[in-house]
Amino acid sequence: MIDEKRLVASIALFGSSVKSKKQATNLKRLAGGLQNIRTFDLDLTAAEQKAINDAISVLTAAAGVYRKAMTIQQKNEKVRKDNIERTLTLVQASRFGKLESTEDKYLFLATVLPNTLSNLSEISESYASAIYPLKYCFTEALELIARRLAEKPDQVQQELEAAWQRFQDMRPRLLERHGEQIRKAIALLETGAAQSVNRV
């Protein structure tokens, strides 16, 4: 039977400590169900009884492997969470986190969360559609960068610099592609801000 380290490695992409715990519990319940079989009611042969006992043994061992895998995964998840939190602090303090101009923020979102701004023309339709990406998606984009960079904890600063350089290299093309919609969105934001000042 596979050991817990190999199991963790084999389910790395789709596994989690929560899933492993659930699997361990399910296997334990199956073993418990087999232990509750009333063998004398069924008049089982020795071979049949042995098959049930073997199945109980295998299920119990498999539950144990999943339980140990869960412990390893919990440790790995904590390390990953700590790495992401550290990296997020670095990203927020970086030039990405300090982007101030609305144009730069839209361009940043277009590179990091292309699906959110897949149709940049939508942001120039109303004040709400223009403000939404800035208000709600900008933080999500910073977190996404942090999650990506946290995969290489020893190279965070270098990778962050490389990501910033890629953003700068892409900027002219992005402006050419989305500039008109971004200008319309900025005009909407300025009009909305002015109206809110006038209402006060």
Protein backbone atom coordinates (compact mmCIF):
# COMPACT_ATOMS: atom_id res chain seq x y z
CA MET A 1 0.00 0.00 0.00
CA ILE A 2 1.12 3.54 -0.72
CA ASP A 3 2.57 5.45 2.22
CA GLU A 4 1.36 8.87 3.38
CA LYS A 5 4.21 10.84 1.73
CA ARG A 6 3.60 9.28 -1.66
CA LEU A 7 -0.14 9.79 -1.23
CA VAL A 8 0.35 13.50 -0.46
CA ALA A 9 2.58 13.84 -3.54
CA SER A 10 0.13 12.01 -5.80
CA ILE A 11 -2.90 14.10 -4.75
CA ALA A 12 -0.98 17.38 -4.40
CA LEU A 13 -2.97 19.34 -6.99
CA PHE A 14 -6.43 18.19 -5.98
CA GLY A 15 -5.92 17.10 -2.39
CA SER A 16 -6.33 18.96 0.86
CA SER A 17 -6.26 18.07 4.53
CA VAL A 18 -10.05 18.41 4.62
CA LYS A 19 -10.48 15.92 1.76
CA SER A 20 -8.01 13.48 3.31
CA LYS A 21 -9.81 13.66 6.65
CA LYS A 22 -13.12 12.94 4.91
CA GLN A 23 -11.59 10.01 3.03
CA ALA A 24 -10.10 8.60 6.25
CA THR A 25 -13.48 8.88 7.96
CA ASN A 26 -15.27 7.17 5.05
CA LEU A 27 -12.80 4.28 5.03
CA LYS A 28 -13.06 3.90 8.80
CA ARG A 29 -16.85 3.76 8.52
CA LEU A 30 -16.62 1.11 5.82
CA ALA A 31 -14.35 -0.96 8.05
CA GLY A 32 -16.75 -0.45 10.95
CA GLY A 33 -19.67 -1.58 8.76
CA LEU A 34 -17.85 -4.78 7.88
CA GLN A 35 -17.00 -5.40 11.54
CA ASN A 36 -20.73 -5.21 12.33
CA ILE A 37 -21.64 -7.99 9.90
CA ARG A 38 -23.32 -10.80 11.84
CA THR A 39 -21.32 -13.63 10.35
CA PHE A 40 -23.21 -16.35 12.18
CA ASP A 41 -26.49 -15.20 10.54
CA LEU A 42 -24.91 -15.60 7.12
CA ASP A 43 -23.30 -18.98 7.83
CA LEU A 44 -20.03 -17.80 6.24
CA THR A 45 -17.28 -20.20 5.33
CA ALA A 46 -13.82 -19.70 6.79
CA ALA A 47 -12.66 -18.29 3.44
CA GLU A 48 -15.54 -15.80 3.37
CA GLN A 49 -14.87 -14.74 6.96
CA LYS A 50 -11.18 -14.32 6.09
CA ALA A 51 -12.10 -12.12 3.08
CA ILE A 52 -14.13 -9.84 5.37
CA ASN A 53 -11.32 -9.69 7.93
CA ASP A 54 -8.80 -8.92 5.15
CA ALA A 55 -11.06 -6.14 3.82
CA ILE A 56 -11.36 -4.67 7.33
CA SER A 57 -7.58 -4.76 7.65
CA VAL A 58 -7.03 -3.05 4.27
CA LEU A 59 -9.67 -0.38 4.92
CA THR A 60 -8.27 0.35 8.38
CA ALA A 61 -4.73 0.62 7.00
CA ALA A 62 -5.94 2.89 4.16
CA ALA A 63 -7.77 5.10 6.68
CA GLY A 64 -4.52 5.36 8.64
CA VAL A 65 -2.58 6.41 5.53
CA TYR A 66 -5.13 9.13 4.79
CA ARG A 67 -5.04 10.28 8.41
CA LYS A 68 -1.23 10.60 8.32
CA ALA A 69 -1.45 12.32 4.92
CA MET A 70 -3.90 14.79 6.45
CA THR A 71 -1.32 15.69 9.13
CA ILE A 72 1.35 16.33 6.49
CA GLN A 73 -1.08 18.37 4.39
CA GLN A 74 -2.08 20.49 7.40
CA LYS A 75 1.58 21.37 7.96
CA ASN A 76 2.07 22.12 4.25
CA GLU A 77 -1.07 24.26 4.16
CA LYS A 78 0.10 26.27 7.16
CA VAL A 79 3.50 26.88 5.55
CA ARG A 80 1.77 27.89 2.30
CA LYS A 81 -0.63 30.22 4.15
CA ASP A 82 2.27 31.86 6.00
CA ASN A 83 4.20 32.23 2.72
CA ILE A 84 1.19 33.83 1.03
CA GLU A 85 0.66 36.26 3.94
CA ARG A 86 4.34 37.27 3.90
CA THR A 87 4.32 37.61 0.14
CA LEU A 88 1.09 39.62 0.16
CA THR A 89 2.70 42.10 2.55
CA LEU A 90 5.60 42.46 0.08
CA VAL A 91 3.25 42.83 -2.90
CA GLN A 92 1.16 45.47 -1.12
CA ALA A 93 4.33 47.42 -0.31
CA SER A 94 5.64 47.02 -3.88
CA ARG A 95 5.05 49.25 -6.88
CA PHE A 96 1.97 47.16 -7.68
CA GLY A 97 0.43 47.95 -4.32
CA LYS A 98 1.35 51.61 -4.67
CA LEU A 99 -0.22 52.13 -8.08
CA GLU A 100 -2.15 55.39 -7.80
CA SER A 101 -3.41 56.44 -11.21
CA THR A 102 -6.73 54.99 -12.29
CA GLU A 103 -5.27 54.24 -15.71
CA ASP A 104 -2.46 52.16 -14.19
CA LYS A 105 -4.89 50.28 -11.98
CA TYR A 106 -7.12 49.37 -14.93
CA LEU A 107 -4.09 48.25 -16.95
CA PHE A 108 -2.84 46.19 -14.00
CA LEU A 109 -6.24 44.51 -13.69
CA ALA A 110 -6.26 43.80 -17.44
CA THR A 111 -2.98 41.87 -17.04
CA VAL A 112 -3.65 40.02 -13.78
CA LEU A 113 -7.41 39.40 -13.98
CA PRO A 114 -8.16 39.38 -17.70
CA ASN A 115 -11.50 37.61 -17.14
CA THR A 116 -12.69 40.36 -14.79
CA LEU A 117 -11.92 42.92 -17.45
CA SER A 118 -12.28 40.67 -20.47
CA ASN A 119 -14.67 43.20 -21.91
CA LEU A 120 -13.14 46.50 -20.87
CA SER A 121 -15.83 48.34 -22.83
CA GLU A 122 -18.24 47.49 -19.98
CA ILE A 123 -16.39 49.73 -17.55
CA SER A 124 -17.23 52.76 -19.64
CA GLU A 125 -21.00 52.24 -19.46
CA SER A 126 -21.81 53.55 -15.99
CA TYR A 127 -20.21 54.91 -12.83
CA ALA A 128 -20.93 51.62 -11.01
CA SER A 129 -19.28 49.52 -13.74
CA ALA A 130 -16.26 51.85 -13.74
CA ILE A 131 -15.75 51.88 -9.95
CA TYR A 132 -16.40 48.17 -9.33
CA PRO A 133 -13.06 46.81 -10.65
CA LEU A 134 -11.09 49.42 -8.74
CA LYS A 135 -12.98 48.91 -5.51
CA TYR A 136 -13.30 45.14 -5.44
CA CYS A 137 -10.90 43.57 -7.95
CA PHE A 138 -7.68 45.48 -7.26
CA THR A 139 -7.14 43.78 -3.88
CA GLU A 140 -8.01 40.41 -5.42
CA ALA A 141 -5.38 40.99 -8.13
CA LEU A 142 -2.71 41.74 -5.52
CA GLU A 143 -3.68 38.55 -3.66
CA LEU A 144 -3.46 36.54 -6.87
CA ILE A 145 0.06 37.80 -7.53
CA ALA A 146 1.00 36.95 -3.92
CA ARG A 147 -0.36 33.40 -4.30
CA ARG A 148 1.65 32.90 -7.49
CA LEU A 149 4.85 34.33 -6.04
CA ALA A 150 4.48 32.33 -2.82
CA GLU A 151 5.08 29.16 -4.86
CA LYS A 152 8.75 30.21 -4.95
CA PRO A 153 9.34 31.62 -1.46
CA ASP A 154 13.11 31.89 -2.00
CA GLN A 155 12.69 34.05 -5.10
CA VAL A 156 9.80 36.34 -4.20
CA GLN A 157 11.68 39.63 -4.60
CA GLN A 158 13.23 38.64 -7.94
CA GLU A 159 9.92 37.32 -9.27
CA LEU A 160 8.14 40.48 -8.10
CA GLU A 161 10.66 42.63 -9.97
CA ALA A 162 10.26 40.44 -13.06
CA ALA A 163 6.46 40.73 -12.85
CA TRP A 164 6.74 44.52 -12.59
CA GLN A 165 9.03 44.59 -15.64
CA ARG A 166 6.58 42.44 -17.63
CA PHE A 167 3.79 44.83 -16.65
CA GLN A 168 5.86 47.79 -17.85
CA ASP A 169 6.67 46.01 -21.11
CA MET A 170 2.98 45.21 -21.72
CA ARG A 171 1.76 48.69 -20.80
CA PRO A 172 2.04 50.33 -24.27
CA ARG A 173 0.16 47.46 -25.95
CA LEU A 174 -2.51 47.48 -23.26
CA LEU A 175 -2.94 51.23 -23.60
CA GLU A 176 -3.27 50.92 -27.34
CA ARG A 177 -5.86 48.20 -26.94
CA HIS A 178 -7.89 49.55 -24.00
CA GLY A 179 -6.97 53.23 -23.83
CA GLU A 180 -10.22 54.60 -25.22
CA GLN A 181 -12.44 52.59 -22.86
CA ILE A 182 -10.22 53.48 -19.89
CA ARG A 183 -10.43 57.21 -20.73
CA LYS A 184 -14.24 56.95 -20.88
CA ALA A 185 -14.27 55.11 -17.55
CA ILE A 186 -12.03 57.75 -15.95
CA ALA A 187 -14.37 60.49 -17.24
CA LEU A 188 -17.31 58.63 -15.68
CA LEU A 189 -15.47 58.36 -12.36
CA GLU A 190 -14.60 62.05 -12.38
CA THR A 191 -18.21 62.99 -13.21
CA GLY A 192 -19.51 60.74 -10.45
CA ALA A 193 -17.05 62.18 -7.93
CA ALA A 194 -17.99 65.74 -8.93
CA GLN A 195 -21.72 64.99 -8.62
CA SER A 196 -21.21 63.51 -5.17
CA VAL A 197 -19.32 66.67 -4.07
CA ASN A 198 -22.09 68.87 -5.47
CA ARG A 199 -24.75 66.88 -3.61
CA VAL A 200 -22.93 67.59 -0.33
